[in-house]
């Protein structure tokens, strides 16, 4: 009976140690906040997309820094606040879905995050470069990798194509008999 109690106690102690160690260890590279944090690079990109869909220009521009922010602020000023906000909303509503990938290190205080977007007529992949500064993570560059036109439009019914041949080599398909009639 004493052995059972001791074994149970050791099991609980080992499991507690594993849980405590796992809670302290981050699965992300050093210097990059976890994706669950509100100030993580992924959270900045998620907020950027949400702000664009709501047309919140000041908050949208706050996600950027450097020459990119200056260019976007100039475009917003030239278009006017309501027109720029409407452009943000229109671009967001055209997108049918998106996937935000995990941050990949790109220097000591920088990361790259790929975002794949699905539009009715194409798929697009953008890579955001973020740098950590005094105000947190900010986007410094955005590069569109490639827009791919899928074989079928978004929302089109799926179709089935008959396989071209026998999938296993060496097995002959059965002969089709032609019915010549009586």
C-alpha atoms as a PDB file:
ATOM      1  CA  UNK A   1       0.000   0.000   0.000  1.00  0.00           C
ATOM      2  CA  UNK A   2       2.858   2.404   0.816  1.00  0.00           C
ATOM      3  CA  UNK A   3       4.363   1.785  -2.607  1.00  0.00           C
ATOM      4  CA  UNK A   4       1.105   2.834  -4.296  1.00  0.00           C
ATOM      5  CA  UNK A   5       0.949   6.079  -2.351  1.00  0.00           C
ATOM      6  CA  UNK A   6       4.590   6.830  -3.104  1.00  0.00           C
ATOM      7  CA  UNK A   7       4.098   6.045  -6.831  1.00  0.00           C
ATOM      8  CA  UNK A   8       1.007   8.281  -6.956  1.00  0.00           C
ATOM      9  CA  UNK A   9       2.830  11.098  -5.192  1.00  0.00           C
ATOM     10  CA  UNK A  10       5.791  10.859  -7.600  1.00  0.00           C
ATOM     11  CA  UNK A  11       3.464  10.798 -10.605  1.00  0.00           C
ATOM     12  CA  UNK A  12       1.679  13.950  -9.454  1.00  0.00           C
ATOM     13  CA  UNK A  13       5.014  15.663  -8.760  1.00  0.00           C
ATOM     14  CA  UNK A  14       6.398  14.803 -12.207  1.00  0.00           C
ATOM     15  CA  UNK A  15       3.204  15.942 -13.958  1.00  0.00           C
ATOM     16  CA  UNK A  16       3.271  19.192 -11.981  1.00  0.00           C
ATOM     17  CA  UNK A  17       6.871  19.779 -12.999  1.00  0.00           C
ATOM     18  CA  UNK A  18       6.025  19.146 -16.676  1.00  0.00           C
ATOM     19  CA  UNK A  19       3.086  21.562 -16.571  1.00  0.00           C
ATOM     20  CA  UNK A  20       5.114  24.261 -14.799  1.00  0.00           C
ATOM     21  CA  UNK A  21       8.008  23.927 -17.245  1.00  0.00           C
ATOM     22  CA  UNK A  22       5.687  23.972 -20.256  1.00  0.00           C
ATOM     23  CA  UNK A  23       3.924  27.095 -19.014  1.00  0.00           C
ATOM     24  CA  UNK A  24       7.227  28.977 -18.769  1.00  0.00           C
ATOM     25  CA  UNK A  25       8.618  27.786 -22.093  1.00  0.00           C
ATOM     26  CA  UNK A  26       7.589  29.692 -25.204  1.00  0.00           C
ATOM     27  CA  UNK A  27       7.142  27.768 -28.440  1.00  0.00           C
ATOM     28  CA  UNK A  28       8.146  30.873 -30.427  1.00  0.00           C
ATOM     29  CA  UNK A  29      11.695  31.954 -31.195  1.00  0.00           C
ATOM     30  CA  UNK A  30      13.418  34.121 -28.562  1.00  0.00           C
ATOM     31  CA  UNK A  31      12.448  37.770 -28.770  1.00  0.00           C
ATOM     32  CA  UNK A  32       9.089  37.081 -30.394  1.00  0.00           C
ATOM     33  CA  UNK A  33       5.964  37.285 -28.286  1.00  0.00           C
ATOM     34  CA  UNK A  34       3.590  34.343 -28.279  1.00  0.00           C
ATOM     35  CA  UNK A  35       0.693  34.523 -30.749  1.00  0.00           C
ATOM     36  CA  UNK A  36      -1.688  34.539 -27.763  1.00  0.00           C
ATOM     37  CA  UNK A  37      -0.335  37.884 -26.539  1.00  0.00           C
ATOM     38  CA  UNK A  38      -2.193  41.059 -27.493  1.00  0.00           C
ATOM     39  CA  UNK A  39       1.103  42.682 -28.524  1.00  0.00           C
ATOM     40  CA  UNK A  40       2.330  39.789 -30.658  1.00  0.00           C
ATOM     41  CA  UNK A  41       3.145  40.353 -34.335  1.00  0.00           C
ATOM     42  CA  UNK A  42       0.224  38.101 -35.319  1.00  0.00           C
ATOM     43  CA  UNK A  43      -2.136  40.176 -33.148  1.00  0.00           C
ATOM     44  CA  UNK A  44      -0.958  43.355 -34.914  1.00  0.00           C
ATOM     45  CA  UNK A  45      -1.784  41.821 -38.318  1.00  0.00           C
ATOM     46  CA  UNK A  46      -5.171  40.537 -37.061  1.00  0.00           C
ATOM     47  CA  UNK A  47      -5.973  44.025 -35.720  1.00  0.00           C
ATOM     48  CA  UNK A  48      -4.866  45.602 -39.015  1.00  0.00           C
ATOM     49  CA  UNK A  49      -7.305  43.407 -40.945  1.00  0.00           C
ATOM     50  CA  UNK A  50     -10.109  44.124 -38.464  1.00  0.00           C
ATOM     51  CA  UNK A  51      -9.459  47.883 -38.570  1.00  0.00           C
ATOM     52  CA  UNK A  52      -9.508  47.833 -42.375  1.00  0.00           C
ATOM     53  CA  UNK A  53     -12.852  46.014 -42.420  1.00  0.00           C
ATOM     54  CA  UNK A  54     -14.321  48.642 -40.070  1.00  0.00           C
ATOM     55  CA  UNK A  55     -12.745  51.530 -42.009  1.00  0.00           C
ATOM     56  CA  UNK A  56     -10.896  52.817 -38.937  1.00  0.00           C
ATOM     57  CA  UNK A  57      -8.227  54.864 -40.693  1.00  0.00           C
ATOM     58  CA  UNK A  58      -6.258  56.217 -37.671  1.00  0.00           C
ATOM     59  CA  UNK A  59      -5.992  52.777 -36.070  1.00  0.00           C
ATOM     60  CA  UNK A  60      -5.133  51.203 -39.448  1.00  0.00           C
ATOM     61  CA  UNK A  61      -2.331  53.723 -40.049  1.00  0.00           C
ATOM     62  CA  UNK A  62      -1.024  53.205 -36.508  1.00  0.00           C
ATOM     63  CA  UNK A  63      -0.047  49.632 -37.438  1.00  0.00           C
ATOM     64  CA  UNK A  64       2.605  50.967 -39.863  1.00  0.00           C
ATOM     65  CA  UNK A  65       5.871  52.850 -39.417  1.00  0.00           C
ATOM     66  CA  UNK A  66       8.554  54.463 -41.545  1.00  0.00           C
ATOM     67  CA  UNK A  67       8.216  55.341 -45.226  1.00  0.00           C
ATOM     68  CA  UNK A  68       5.302  52.926 -45.683  1.00  0.00           C
ATOM     69  CA  UNK A  69       3.256  54.732 -43.031  1.00  0.00           C
ATOM     70  CA  UNK A  70       4.156  58.106 -44.548  1.00  0.00           C
ATOM     71  CA  UNK A  71       2.981  56.951 -47.986  1.00  0.00           C
ATOM     72  CA  UNK A  72      -0.292  55.517 -46.628  1.00  0.00           C
ATOM     73  CA  UNK A  73      -0.949  58.662 -44.561  1.00  0.00           C
ATOM     74  CA  UNK A  74      -0.375  60.801 -47.660  1.00  0.00           C
ATOM     75  CA  UNK A  75      -2.807  58.627 -49.655  1.00  0.00           C
ATOM     76  CA  UNK A  76      -5.392  58.922 -46.865  1.00  0.00           C
ATOM     77  CA  UNK A  77      -4.969  62.697 -46.772  1.00  0.00           C
ATOM     78  CA  UNK A  78      -5.259  63.040 -50.556  1.00  0.00           C
ATOM     79  CA  UNK A  79      -8.359  60.833 -50.748  1.00  0.00           C
ATOM     80  CA  UNK A  80      -9.989  62.310 -47.674  1.00  0.00           C
ATOM     81  CA  UNK A  81     -10.837  60.452 -44.464  1.00  0.00           C
ATOM     82  CA  UNK A  82     -14.224  59.077 -45.540  1.00  0.00           C
ATOM     83  CA  UNK A  83     -13.075  58.024 -49.031  1.00  0.00           C
ATOM     84  CA  UNK A  84      -9.972  56.271 -47.651  1.00  0.00           C
ATOM     85  CA  UNK A  85     -12.073  54.520 -44.990  1.00  0.00           C
ATOM     86  CA  UNK A  86     -14.501  53.387 -47.699  1.00  0.00           C
ATOM     87  CA  UNK A  87     -11.582  52.008 -49.756  1.00  0.00           C
ATOM     88  CA  UNK A  88     -10.428  50.009 -46.732  1.00  0.00           C
ATOM     89  CA  UNK A  89     -13.940  48.618 -46.186  1.00  0.00           C
ATOM     90  CA  UNK A  90     -14.383  47.782 -49.883  1.00  0.00           C
ATOM     91  CA  UNK A  91     -11.041  45.962 -50.063  1.00  0.00           C
ATOM     92  CA  UNK A  92     -11.941  43.978 -46.936  1.00  0.00           C
ATOM     93  CA  UNK A  93     -15.417  43.042 -48.119  1.00  0.00           C
ATOM     94  CA  UNK A  94     -13.978  41.761 -51.418  1.00  0.00           C
ATOM     95  CA  UNK A  95     -11.915  39.228 -49.481  1.00  0.00           C
ATOM     96  CA  UNK A  96     -13.827  36.008 -48.777  1.00  0.00           C
ATOM     97  CA  UNK A  97     -11.352  34.647 -46.246  1.00  0.00           C
ATOM     98  CA  UNK A  98      -7.767  34.770 -45.070  1.00  0.00           C
ATOM     99  CA  UNK A  99      -5.159  32.771 -43.184  1.00  0.00           C
ATOM    100  CA  UNK A 100      -2.487  34.384 -41.016  1.00  0.00           C
ATOM    101  CA  UNK A 101       0.651  32.268 -40.701  1.00  0.00           C
ATOM    102  CA  UNK A 102       2.924  32.202 -37.669  1.00  0.00           C
ATOM    103  CA  UNK A 103       5.680  34.801 -37.394  1.00  0.00           C
ATOM    104  CA  UNK A 104       9.093  33.785 -38.723  1.00  0.00           C
ATOM    105  CA  UNK A 105      12.203  35.547 -37.382  1.00  0.00           C
ATOM    106  CA  UNK A 106      13.831  38.013 -39.795  1.00  0.00           C
ATOM    107  CA  UNK A 107      16.519  39.574 -37.641  1.00  0.00           C
ATOM    108  CA  UNK A 108      16.977  40.324 -33.945  1.00  0.00           C
ATOM    109  CA  UNK A 109      13.828  42.453 -33.554  1.00  0.00           C
ATOM    110  CA  UNK A 110      11.973  41.684 -36.798  1.00  0.00           C
ATOM    111  CA  UNK A 111       9.625  39.028 -38.148  1.00  0.00           C
ATOM    112  CA  UNK A 112       7.806  38.176 -41.356  1.00  0.00           C
ATOM    113  CA  UNK A 113       4.193  37.038 -41.405  1.00  0.00           C
ATOM    114  CA  UNK A 114       2.508  35.620 -44.502  1.00  0.00           C
ATOM    115  CA  UNK A 115      -1.198  36.255 -45.017  1.00  0.00           C
ATOM    116  CA  UNK A 116      -3.047  34.285 -47.657  1.00  0.00           C
ATOM    117  CA  UNK A 117      -6.291  35.834 -48.857  1.00  0.00           C
ATOM    118  CA  UNK A 118      -9.064  34.315 -50.960  1.00  0.00           C
ATOM    119  CA  UNK A 119     -10.950  36.557 -53.379  1.00  0.00           C
ATOM    120  CA  UNK A 120     -13.727  35.445 -55.747  1.00  0.00           C
ATOM    121  CA  UNK A 121     -11.376  35.494 -58.746  1.00  0.00           C
ATOM    122  CA  UNK A 122      -7.931  34.846 -57.243  1.00  0.00           C
ATOM    123  CA  UNK A 123      -5.849  33.875 -54.230  1.00  0.00           C
ATOM    124  CA  UNK A 124      -3.214  36.278 -52.986  1.00  0.00           C
ATOM    125  CA  UNK A 125      -0.281  35.949 -50.611  1.00  0.00           C
ATOM    126  CA  UNK A 126       1.164  38.996 -48.862  1.00  0.00           C
ATOM    127  CA  UNK A 127       4.169  39.007 -46.565  1.00  0.00           C
ATOM    128  CA  UNK A 128       4.269  41.625 -43.813  1.00  0.00           C
ATOM    129  CA  UNK A 129       7.607  42.565 -42.236  1.00  0.00           C
ATOM    130  CA  UNK A 130       7.234  43.825 -38.688  1.00  0.00           C
ATOM    131  CA  UNK A 131       9.841  45.354 -36.427  1.00  0.00           C
ATOM    132  CA  UNK A 132       9.634  45.804 -32.680  1.00  0.00           C
ATOM    133  CA  UNK A 133      10.176  49.371 -31.553  1.00  0.00           C
ATOM    134  CA  UNK A 134       9.371  51.459 -28.482  1.00  0.00           C
ATOM    135  CA  UNK A 135       5.658  51.443 -29.383  1.00  0.00           C
ATOM    136  CA  UNK A 136       5.508  47.678 -29.988  1.00  0.00           C
ATOM    137  CA  UNK A 137       5.354  45.779 -33.272  1.00  0.00           C
ATOM    138  CA  UNK A 138       4.841  47.896 -36.414  1.00  0.00           C
ATOM    139  CA  UNK A 139       4.660  46.950 -40.090  1.00  0.00           C
ATOM    140  CA  UNK A 140       7.593  48.277 -42.130  1.00  0.00           C
ATOM    141  CA  UNK A 141       7.055  46.470 -45.450  1.00  0.00           C
ATOM    142  CA  UNK A 142       4.305  44.647 -47.321  1.00  0.00           C
ATOM    143  CA  UNK A 143       5.122  42.507 -50.350  1.00  0.00           C
ATOM    144  CA  UNK A 144       2.575  40.759 -52.532  1.00  0.00           C
ATOM    145  CA  UNK A 145       4.141  37.472 -53.496  1.00  0.00           C
ATOM    146  CA  UNK A 146       1.787  36.251 -56.186  1.00  0.00           C
ATOM    147  CA  UNK A 147      -1.870  36.192 -57.015  1.00  0.00           C
ATOM    148  CA  UNK A 148      -2.949  32.756 -58.198  1.00  0.00           C
ATOM    149  CA  UNK A 149      -6.076  32.220 -60.251  1.00  0.00           C
ATOM    150  CA  UNK A 150      -7.683  28.957 -59.110  1.00  0.00           C
ATOM    151  CA  UNK A 151      -9.141  26.523 -61.649  1.00  0.00           C
ATOM    152  CA  UNK A 152     -12.646  27.146 -60.289  1.00  0.00           C
ATOM    153  CA  UNK A 153     -14.072  30.442 -59.055  1.00  0.00           C
ATOM    154  CA  UNK A 154     -14.830  30.839 -55.352  1.00  0.00           C
ATOM    155  CA  UNK A 155     -18.332  29.472 -54.683  1.00  0.00           C
ATOM    156  CA  UNK A 156     -18.543  27.495 -57.949  1.00  0.00           C
ATOM    157  CA  UNK A 157     -20.041  24.015 -57.643  1.00  0.00           C
ATOM    158  CA  UNK A 158     -17.503  21.253 -57.386  1.00  0.00           C
ATOM    159  CA  UNK A 159     -17.191  18.920 -60.331  1.00  0.00           C
ATOM    160  CA  UNK A 160     -15.952  15.370 -60.627  1.00  0.00           C
ATOM    161  CA  UNK A 161     -13.649  14.125 -63.352  1.00  0.00           C
ATOM    162  CA  UNK A 162     -13.343  10.457 -64.091  1.00  0.00           C
ATOM    163  CA  UNK A 163      -9.822   9.078 -63.447  1.00  0.00           C
ATOM    164  CA  UNK A 164      -7.755   8.808 -66.622  1.00  0.00           C
ATOM    165  CA  UNK A 165      -6.668   5.239 -66.244  1.00  0.00           C
ATOM    166  CA  UNK A 166      -6.072   2.329 -63.971  1.00  0.00           C
ATOM    167  CA  UNK A 167      -4.369   3.592 -60.820  1.00  0.00           C
ATOM    168  CA  UNK A 168      -2.318   0.409 -60.283  1.00  0.00           C
ATOM    169  CA  UNK A 169       0.289  -0.600 -62.846  1.00  0.00           C
ATOM    170  CA  UNK A 170       0.166  -4.124 -64.181  1.00  0.00           C
ATOM    171  CA  UNK A 171      -3.570  -4.552 -63.703  1.00  0.00           C
ATOM    172  CA  UNK A 172      -5.441  -4.519 -66.946  1.00  0.00           C
ATOM    173  CA  UNK A 173      -8.892  -2.956 -66.967  1.00  0.00           C
ATOM    174  CA  UNK A 174     -11.733  -5.308 -67.882  1.00  0.00           C
ATOM    175  CA  UNK A 175     -12.606  -5.425 -71.570  1.00  0.00           C
ATOM    176  CA  UNK A 176     -15.685  -3.466 -72.438  1.00  0.00           C
ATOM    177  CA  UNK A 177     -18.031  -5.543 -74.506  1.00  0.00           C
ATOM    178  CA  UNK A 178     -19.802  -3.916 -77.378  1.00  0.00           C
ATOM    179  CA  UNK A 179     -23.379  -4.958 -77.618  1.00  0.00           C
ATOM    180  CA  UNK A 180     -24.101  -5.603 -81.308  1.00  0.00           C
ATOM    181  CA  UNK A 181     -27.700  -6.382 -80.684  1.00  0.00           C
ATOM    182  CA  UNK A 182     -29.785  -9.491 -81.561  1.00  0.00           C
END
